[in-house]
Amino acid sequence: MKILRATHLGMCFGVRDAIALALSRSKQQPVTVLGDLVHNETVLRSLRQQGVKLSTRLPA
């Protein structure tokens, strides 16, 4: 059996668009995303560094 490993893993269009929207809106005003847009800590860290706040619960 031959196992092929992908050299690049992409995202579905919806996730890609949601990340782009969060980033563009965060440049205009503070943005908080409820839940993870993607289950990839590298991407989530990048979002945080660019000003997107991530939360697992609604603000009080």
N, C-alpha and C. Protein backbone atom coordinates (compact mmCIF):
# COMPACT_ATOMS: atom_id res chain seq x y z
N MET A 1 0.85 -1.16 0.00
CA MET A 1 0.00 0.00 0.00
C MET A 1 0.90 1.23 0.00
N LYS A 2 0.59 2.18 -0.88
CA LYS A 2 1.33 3.43 -0.95
C LYS A 2 0.48 4.53 -0.31
N ILE A 3 1.07 5.27 0.60
CA ILE A 3 0.36 6.37 1.26
C ILE A 3 0.90 7.69 0.72
N LEU A 4 0.00 8.51 0.23
CA LEU A 4 0.37 9.83 -0.26
C LEU A 4 -0.03 10.87 0.76
N ARG A 5 0.86 11.75 1.05
CA ARG A 5 0.58 12.80 2.01
C ARG A 5 0.50 14.13 1.26
N ALA A 6 -0.55 14.87 1.52
CA ALA A 6 -0.75 16.15 0.84
C ALA A 6 0.34 17.14 1.26
N THR A 7 0.81 17.91 0.30
CA THR A 7 1.80 18.93 0.62
C THR A 7 1.13 20.22 1.04
N HIS A 8 -0.13 20.39 0.68
CA HIS A 8 -0.87 21.60 1.05
C HIS A 8 -2.30 21.21 1.39
N LEU A 9 -2.76 21.69 2.51
CA LEU A 9 -4.15 21.46 2.91
C LEU A 9 -4.88 22.79 2.82
N GLY A 10 -5.98 22.81 2.14
CA GLY A 10 -6.72 24.04 1.99
C GLY A 10 -7.93 24.10 2.91
N MET A 11 -8.73 25.12 2.69
CA MET A 11 -9.96 25.31 3.46
C MET A 11 -11.12 25.36 2.49
N CYS A 12 -12.30 25.05 2.98
CA CYS A 12 -13.48 25.19 2.15
C CYS A 12 -13.73 26.68 1.90
N PHE A 13 -14.51 26.98 0.88
CA PHE A 13 -14.78 28.37 0.51
C PHE A 13 -15.42 29.15 1.65
N GLY A 14 -16.33 28.52 2.38
CA GLY A 14 -17.02 29.20 3.46
C GLY A 14 -16.09 29.63 4.58
N VAL A 15 -15.17 28.76 4.95
CA VAL A 15 -14.20 29.08 6.00
C VAL A 15 -13.26 30.18 5.51
N ARG A 16 -12.78 30.04 4.30
CA ARG A 16 -11.88 31.05 3.74
C ARG A 16 -12.56 32.42 3.70
N ASP A 17 -13.82 32.45 3.27
CA ASP A 17 -14.56 33.71 3.19
C ASP A 17 -14.83 34.29 4.57
N ALA A 18 -15.13 33.45 5.55
CA ALA A 18 -15.39 33.91 6.91
C ALA A 18 -14.12 34.52 7.52
N ILE A 19 -12.98 33.92 7.28
CA ILE A 19 -11.72 34.46 7.78
C ILE A 19 -11.42 35.80 7.12
N ALA A 20 -11.61 35.88 5.81
CA ALA A 20 -11.38 37.14 5.09
C ALA A 20 -12.31 38.24 5.61
N LEU A 21 -13.56 37.91 5.86
CA LEU A 21 -14.53 38.89 6.36
C LEU A 21 -14.13 39.37 7.76
N ALA A 22 -13.76 38.45 8.63
CA ALA A 22 -13.34 38.83 9.98
C ALA A 22 -12.13 39.75 9.94
N LEU A 23 -11.18 39.45 9.08
CA LEU A 23 -9.98 40.28 8.98
C LEU A 23 -10.31 41.66 8.42
N SER A 24 -11.13 41.72 7.40
CA SER A 24 -11.44 43.03 6.80
C SER A 24 -12.26 43.88 7.76
N ARG A 25 -13.20 43.29 8.47
CA ARG A 25 -14.01 44.05 9.43
C ARG A 25 -13.19 44.49 10.64
N SER A 26 -12.20 43.68 11.04
CA SER A 26 -11.40 44.03 12.21
C SER A 26 -10.53 45.25 11.95
N LYS A 27 -10.29 45.57 10.69
CA LYS A 27 -9.55 46.78 10.35
C LYS A 27 -10.41 48.03 10.50
N GLN A 28 -11.75 47.86 10.47
CA GLN A 28 -12.68 48.98 10.56
C GLN A 28 -13.18 49.20 11.98
N GLN A 29 -13.36 48.11 12.73
CA GLN A 29 -13.90 48.19 14.08
C GLN A 29 -13.57 46.90 14.81
N PRO A 30 -13.65 46.91 16.14
CA PRO A 30 -13.36 45.68 16.89
C PRO A 30 -14.34 44.55 16.49
N VAL A 31 -13.80 43.36 16.34
CA VAL A 31 -14.60 42.20 15.94
C VAL A 31 -14.35 41.06 16.92
N THR A 32 -15.42 40.45 17.38
CA THR A 32 -15.33 39.25 18.21
C THR A 32 -16.07 38.13 17.50
N VAL A 33 -15.41 37.01 17.33
CA VAL A 33 -15.99 35.84 16.68
C VAL A 33 -16.39 34.85 17.77
N LEU A 34 -17.61 34.40 17.73
CA LEU A 34 -18.10 33.43 18.69
C LEU A 34 -17.81 32.03 18.16
N GLY A 35 -16.91 31.33 18.81
CA GLY A 35 -16.52 29.99 18.38
C GLY A 35 -15.36 30.06 17.41
N ASP A 36 -14.85 28.92 17.02
CA ASP A 36 -13.71 28.86 16.11
C ASP A 36 -14.18 28.89 14.66
N LEU A 37 -13.52 29.71 13.87
CA LEU A 37 -13.79 29.69 12.44
C LEU A 37 -13.17 28.46 11.80
N VAL A 38 -12.09 28.00 12.39
CA VAL A 38 -11.35 26.85 11.86
C VAL A 38 -10.65 26.17 13.04
N HIS A 39 -10.45 24.89 12.95
CA HIS A 39 -9.77 24.15 14.01
C HIS A 39 -8.29 24.03 13.66
N ASN A 40 -7.64 25.18 13.58
CA ASN A 40 -6.22 25.24 13.24
C ASN A 40 -5.62 26.34 14.09
N GLU A 41 -4.83 25.96 15.07
CA GLU A 41 -4.30 26.94 16.03
C GLU A 41 -3.41 27.98 15.36
N THR A 42 -2.71 27.61 14.31
CA THR A 42 -1.86 28.58 13.61
C THR A 42 -2.70 29.68 12.99
N VAL A 43 -3.81 29.32 12.38
CA VAL A 43 -4.71 30.31 11.77
C VAL A 43 -5.37 31.15 12.86
N LEU A 44 -5.81 30.52 13.94
CA LEU A 44 -6.44 31.25 15.04
C LEU A 44 -5.46 32.24 15.67
N ARG A 45 -4.22 31.83 15.84
CA ARG A 45 -3.20 32.72 16.39
C ARG A 45 -2.99 33.92 15.47
N SER A 46 -2.96 33.67 14.18
CA SER A 46 -2.81 34.75 13.21
C SER A 46 -3.98 35.74 13.29
N LEU A 47 -5.20 35.21 13.43
CA LEU A 47 -6.37 36.07 13.57
C LEU A 47 -6.25 36.95 14.81
N ARG A 48 -5.85 36.34 15.92
CA ARG A 48 -5.69 37.11 17.16
C ARG A 48 -4.64 38.21 17.00
N GLN A 49 -3.53 37.88 16.35
CA GLN A 49 -2.45 38.85 16.15
C GLN A 49 -2.90 40.02 15.28
N GLN A 50 -3.90 39.78 14.44
CA GLN A 50 -4.39 40.82 13.55
C GLN A 50 -5.62 41.54 14.12
N GLY A 51 -5.90 41.31 15.40
CA GLY A 51 -6.94 42.07 16.08
C GLY A 51 -8.30 41.43 16.19
N VAL A 52 -8.46 40.22 15.70
CA VAL A 52 -9.75 39.54 15.81
C VAL A 52 -9.80 38.85 17.17
N LYS A 53 -10.83 39.14 17.95
CA LYS A 53 -11.00 38.49 19.25
C LYS A 53 -11.84 37.23 19.05
N LEU A 54 -11.43 36.15 19.71
CA LEU A 54 -12.16 34.89 19.63
C LEU A 54 -12.74 34.58 20.99
N SER A 55 -13.99 34.17 21.02
CA SER A 55 -14.66 33.88 22.29
C SER A 55 -15.46 32.59 22.16
N THR A 56 -15.59 31.89 23.27
CA THR A 56 -16.40 30.67 23.28
C THR A 56 -17.75 30.91 23.93
N ARG A 57 -17.98 32.16 24.39
CA ARG A 57 -19.27 32.45 25.00
C ARG A 57 -19.69 33.88 24.66
N LEU A 58 -20.97 34.13 24.78
CA LEU A 58 -21.52 35.45 24.50
C LEU A 58 -21.09 36.42 25.60
N PRO A 59 -20.81 37.68 25.22
CA PRO A 59 -20.48 38.66 26.25
C PRO A 59 -21.65 38.91 27.20
N ALA A 60 -21.37 39.21 28.44
CA ALA A 60 -22.41 39.45 29.45
C ALA A 60 -23.08 40.79 29.24
